[in-house]
Protein backbone atom coordinates (compact mmCIF):
# COMPACT_ATOMS: atom_id res chain seq x y z
CA MET A 1 -4.99 -55.48 77.63
CA TYR A 2 -7.07 -55.47 74.45
CA ILE A 3 -9.14 -53.03 72.58
CA ASN A 4 -11.21 -53.28 69.64
CA ILE A 5 -10.31 -50.58 66.77
CA ASP A 6 -12.08 -51.10 63.04
CA GLY A 7 -12.35 -54.54 63.80
CA LEU A 8 -9.00 -55.31 64.89
CA ASN A 9 -7.98 -56.43 68.30
CA ILE A 10 -5.51 -53.96 69.87
CA GLU A 11 -2.78 -54.93 72.31
CA TYR A 12 -2.12 -51.95 75.04
CA THR A 13 -0.73 -51.76 78.36
CA GLU A 14 -1.26 -48.74 80.99
CA GLN A 15 0.60 -47.91 84.09
CA GLY A 16 0.52 -45.15 86.92
CA SER A 17 -1.76 -42.27 87.03
CA GLY A 18 -1.41 -38.50 86.58
CA ILE A 19 -0.53 -36.46 83.56
CA PRO A 20 -1.82 -38.62 80.35
CA VAL A 21 0.93 -39.77 78.08
CA LEU A 22 0.83 -41.95 74.98
CA LEU A 23 3.86 -43.97 73.87
CA LEU A 24 4.20 -45.16 70.37
CA HIS A 25 6.52 -47.41 69.43
CA GLY A 26 8.66 -47.83 66.02
CA TRP A 27 8.46 -50.12 63.02
CA ASN A 28 8.85 -53.76 63.88
CA SER A 29 8.80 -53.23 67.66
CA SER A 30 6.33 -52.99 70.44
CA PHE A 31 5.43 -51.06 73.37
CA ASP A 32 7.89 -53.52 75.61
CA VAL A 33 10.61 -51.18 74.75
CA TYR A 34 8.87 -48.50 77.25
CA LYS A 35 8.73 -50.64 80.39
CA GLY A 36 11.66 -48.89 81.58
CA ILE A 37 10.31 -45.17 80.76
CA MET A 38 6.86 -46.34 82.39
CA SER A 39 8.53 -47.53 85.63
CA ALA A 40 10.20 -43.92 85.55
CA LEU A 41 7.18 -41.69 85.43
CA SER A 42 4.62 -44.04 86.72
CA ASP A 43 4.83 -41.79 89.72
CA ARG A 44 3.52 -38.58 88.14
CA CYS A 45 1.61 -39.88 84.94
CA ARG A 46 -0.86 -42.14 83.21
CA LEU A 47 0.97 -43.84 80.59
CA VAL A 48 -0.68 -45.86 78.17
CA ALA A 49 1.44 -47.77 74.98
CA VAL A 50 -0.29 -49.43 72.17
CA ASN A 51 1.04 -51.97 69.97
CA PHE A 52 0.31 -50.76 66.08
CA PRO A 53 -1.41 -53.29 64.04
CA GLY A 54 1.00 -56.35 62.93
CA CYS A 55 3.26 -55.64 66.08
CA GLY A 56 3.05 -57.32 69.24
CA ASN A 57 -0.11 -59.45 69.66
CA SER A 58 -2.27 -56.79 67.61
CA ASP A 59 -4.09 -58.12 64.66
CA THR A 60 -2.33 -57.20 61.53
CA MET A 61 -4.22 -55.10 58.93
CA GLU A 62 -5.68 -56.38 55.66
CA LYS A 63 -4.62 -53.73 53.46
CA PRO A 64 -1.20 -51.86 53.24
CA TRP A 65 -1.59 -48.53 55.12
CA LYS A 66 0.09 -44.91 55.08
CA LEU A 67 1.06 -42.49 57.49
CA GLU A 68 -2.53 -41.16 57.21
CA ASP A 69 -3.74 -44.48 58.05
CA TYR A 70 -1.55 -44.60 61.66
CA CYS A 71 -2.65 -41.09 62.64
CA ASP A 72 -6.31 -41.99 62.07
CA PHE A 73 -5.90 -45.44 64.07
CA VAL A 74 -4.22 -43.10 66.85
CA LEU A 75 -6.91 -40.94 67.15
CA LYS A 76 -9.44 -43.34 67.42
CA PHE A 77 -7.17 -45.46 70.30
CA MET A 78 -7.28 -41.92 72.41
CA LYS A 79 -10.66 -41.58 72.02
CA GLU A 80 -11.43 -45.06 73.21
CA LEU A 81 -9.25 -44.91 76.14
CA ASN A 82 -10.52 -41.28 77.29
CA LEU A 83 -6.86 -40.06 76.64
CA GLU A 84 -7.42 -36.09 76.59
CA ASN A 85 -4.50 -34.36 75.24
CA PRO A 86 -1.78 -36.55 76.41
CA ILE A 87 1.64 -35.66 76.25
CA LEU A 88 3.09 -37.75 73.31
CA ILE A 89 6.27 -39.72 73.25
CA GLY A 90 7.31 -41.40 69.80
CA HIS A 91 9.98 -43.67 68.82
CA SER A 92 11.29 -44.08 65.31
CA HIS A 93 7.89 -44.60 63.33
CA GLY A 94 6.13 -43.81 66.41
CA GLY A 95 7.91 -40.06 66.50
CA ARG A 96 7.10 -40.06 62.79
CA THR A 97 3.06 -40.58 63.45
CA ILE A 98 3.38 -37.71 65.87
CA LEU A 99 5.25 -35.00 63.62
CA LYS A 100 2.42 -35.77 61.06
CA MET A 101 -0.41 -35.30 63.65
CA ALA A 102 1.19 -32.41 65.36
CA ALA A 103 2.13 -30.59 62.24
CA GLU A 104 -1.39 -31.06 60.56
CA SER A 105 -3.20 -29.93 64.05
CA MET A 106 -4.83 -33.38 64.37
CA VAL A 107 -3.64 -33.00 68.10
CA ASN A 108 -2.13 -30.17 70.07
CA PRO A 109 -0.31 -31.83 72.63
CA PRO A 110 1.03 -30.17 75.90
CA LYS A 111 4.34 -31.77 74.94
CA ILE A 112 6.11 -33.98 72.33
CA VAL A 113 9.15 -36.27 73.04
CA LEU A 114 10.52 -37.71 70.05
CA LEU A 115 12.92 -40.60 70.67
CA ASP A 116 15.58 -41.24 67.54
CA SER A 117 12.52 -40.30 65.22
CA ALA A 118 11.54 -41.16 61.88
CA GLY A 119 10.04 -38.52 59.55
CA LEU A 120 12.79 -37.39 56.94
CA ILE A 121 14.22 -39.36 54.13
CA PRO A 122 17.82 -39.24 54.62
CA LYS A 123 20.39 -39.24 51.95
CA LYS A 124 21.35 -42.67 50.84
CA SER A 125 24.89 -43.85 50.56
CA PHE A 126 26.47 -44.95 47.26
CA LYS A 127 26.26 -48.50 48.41
CA GLN A 128 22.30 -48.26 49.35
CA LYS A 129 21.88 -46.33 45.97
CA PHE A 130 23.35 -49.48 44.35
CA ARG A 131 21.65 -52.30 46.03
CA ALA A 132 18.22 -50.31 45.17
CA LYS A 133 19.37 -49.89 41.35
CA SER A 134 20.20 -53.43 41.05
CA PHE A 135 17.32 -54.94 42.83
CA LYS A 136 15.00 -52.47 40.35
CA ALA A 137 17.09 -53.75 37.81
CA ILE A 138 16.43 -57.56 38.53
CA LYS A 139 12.70 -56.92 39.04
CA TRP A 140 12.25 -55.43 35.68
CA SER A 141 14.28 -58.06 34.00
CA LEU A 142 12.10 -60.92 35.73
CA SER A 143 8.99 -59.28 34.45
CA LEU A 144 9.77 -59.71 30.75
CA PRO A 145 7.65 -62.38 28.97
CA ILE A 146 10.15 -64.64 28.04
CA ILE A 147 11.27 -64.78 31.19
CA LYS A 148 8.41 -64.22 33.69
CA ASN A 149 7.10 -67.83 33.39
CA TYR A 150 10.64 -69.29 34.78
CA SER A 151 10.90 -66.61 37.36
CA GLU A 152 9.13 -68.13 39.92
CA GLY A 153 10.74 -67.62 43.29
CA LEU A 154 13.62 -65.62 42.02
CA LEU A 155 11.91 -62.27 42.62
CA GLU A 156 11.32 -63.47 46.27
CA LYS A 157 15.20 -64.18 46.43
CA ALA A 158 15.80 -61.09 45.27
CA ARG A 159 13.94 -59.23 48.02
CA ASN A 160 15.58 -61.31 50.54
CA HIS A 161 18.86 -60.51 49.22
CA TYR A 162 18.58 -56.64 48.75
CA GLY A 163 15.78 -55.94 51.14
CA SER A 164 16.68 -54.86 54.93
CA ALA A 165 16.07 -57.12 57.87
CA ASP A 166 12.81 -55.14 58.80
CA TYR A 167 11.50 -55.53 55.20
CA ASN A 168 12.20 -59.00 55.32
CA ALA A 169 11.11 -60.30 58.53
CA ALA A 170 7.29 -58.76 57.42
CA PRO A 171 4.41 -60.22 56.00
CA LEU A 172 3.46 -58.63 52.31
CA VAL A 173 0.94 -56.32 54.13
CA LEU A 174 3.46 -54.56 55.81
CA ARG A 175 6.38 -54.74 53.75
CA GLN A 176 3.89 -52.41 51.06
CA THR A 177 3.10 -50.40 54.13
CA MET A 178 6.89 -50.00 55.09
CA VAL A 179 7.66 -48.98 51.55
CA SER A 180 4.97 -45.86 51.78
CA LEU A 181 6.29 -45.07 55.13
CA VAL A 182 9.93 -44.89 54.22
CA ASN A 183 8.85 -42.53 51.09
CA THR A 184 7.49 -40.20 53.06
CA ASP A 185 9.13 -37.01 54.18
CA LEU A 186 7.91 -34.50 56.22
CA ARG A 187 10.14 -31.44 56.27
CA ASP A 188 7.85 -29.24 54.69
CA ILE A 189 5.12 -29.44 57.51
CA ILE A 190 7.42 -29.76 60.51
CA SER A 191 7.54 -26.01 61.50
CA ASN A 192 3.86 -26.13 61.80
CA ILE A 193 4.31 -27.94 65.24
CA LYS A 194 3.58 -25.37 68.26
CA SER A 195 4.06 -27.92 71.15
CA PRO A 196 7.41 -27.68 73.23
CA THR A 197 9.31 -30.56 71.80
CA LEU A 198 12.34 -32.74 73.44
CA LEU A 199 14.42 -34.89 70.88
CA ILE A 200 16.46 -37.43 72.62
CA TRP A 201 18.67 -39.16 70.19
CA GLY A 202 21.63 -41.52 70.00
CA GLU A 203 24.84 -40.11 68.94
CA ASN A 204 25.75 -43.17 66.79
CA ASP A 205 22.12 -43.78 65.49
CA THR A 206 22.52 -45.16 61.94
CA ALA A 207 18.69 -45.68 60.98
CA THR A 208 17.70 -42.12 61.69
CA PRO A 209 21.24 -40.29 61.97
CA LEU A 210 21.84 -37.65 64.47
CA SER A 211 21.84 -35.02 61.00
CA ASP A 212 18.20 -36.03 60.88
CA ALA A 213 17.47 -34.66 64.59
CA LYS A 214 19.39 -31.37 64.21
CA ILE A 215 16.99 -30.71 61.22
CA ILE A 216 13.99 -31.60 63.09
CA GLU A 217 15.36 -29.18 66.01
CA SER A 218 16.14 -26.39 63.84
CA LEU A 219 12.84 -26.76 62.05
CA ILE A 220 10.26 -26.83 65.07
CA PRO A 221 10.00 -23.50 66.79
CA ASP A 222 10.19 -24.35 70.43
CA ALA A 223 12.61 -27.90 70.43
CA GLY A 224 15.56 -29.29 72.01
CA LEU A 225 18.00 -31.88 71.30
CA CYS A 226 19.59 -34.03 74.02
CA VAL A 227 22.58 -36.61 72.73
CA ILE A 228 23.11 -39.29 74.16
CA LYS A 229 26.70 -40.42 73.66
CA GLY A 230 27.70 -43.62 72.33
CA ALA A 231 24.04 -44.85 71.66
CA GLY A 232 22.26 -45.91 68.45
CA HIS A 233 18.83 -45.88 67.29
CA TYR A 234 17.47 -47.13 70.83
CA SER A 235 19.58 -44.65 72.69
CA PHE A 236 16.60 -44.82 75.61
CA CYS A 237 17.22 -48.27 75.99
CA GLU A 238 21.17 -48.23 75.87
CA ASN A 239 21.36 -45.62 78.52
CA PRO A 240 18.18 -45.60 80.29
CA TYR A 241 19.28 -43.76 83.55
CA GLN A 242 20.59 -40.74 81.38
CA ALA A 243 17.10 -40.67 79.25
CA HIS A 244 15.07 -41.21 82.15
CA ALA A 245 16.45 -38.12 84.16
CA ILE A 246 15.91 -35.97 80.89
CA LEU A 247 12.30 -37.09 80.56
CA ARG A 248 11.96 -36.60 84.48
CA SER A 249 13.16 -33.08 84.26
CA PHE A 250 11.11 -32.57 81.33
CA ILE A 251 7.54 -33.87 82.33
CA LYS A 252 6.74 -32.77 85.38
């Protein structure tokens, strides 16, 4: 199914009836990751999942977005779909968007579920810091007038070498968007969230480490953390039976 929001054709899917639930996926992903959760909750919920611009078959935005743009997009989508005060479920970047919206009172959901959520700037390892400094040094050197005329293609090769897989796979507008998002830290406003919040996290998540989950749990007044043993960043897909049981207990 498709809907037009601000000139962009946006893909979404819907399943079940009952308690309204909106599911937001992570970066460089799609609502396909939620097939299991939607099946598990469709006996009690109206589940709506949307593909962010540039994901799935949704159109890509023309200019880079900031987190505020994603929040505005979600609010418009909810209005178009007549989703009134839904429970919000978000994985990774979807969780980051929910944290921003709830902390700044753009929404007041009855419940929130964060699945290996982004939202904090994690401490970088020595290797990550070294790679970042190396790329900045190369980028600076290639901008020098004496080299600039001969550096065509070299900067792109450097990006491919030093950038993450997600970064390299994205078109330019999404690369610029990603840079803005990963440098956004919400820890100063998360304590404003009043909704009961469930965190489901992979024990071995390296993209958004378990230490982030513990910080978020400590900041939200009414929050609880469930850890999926042995799982990574897609914990709810790696151990669906446990994740679905937790969700069915939380969403009644």
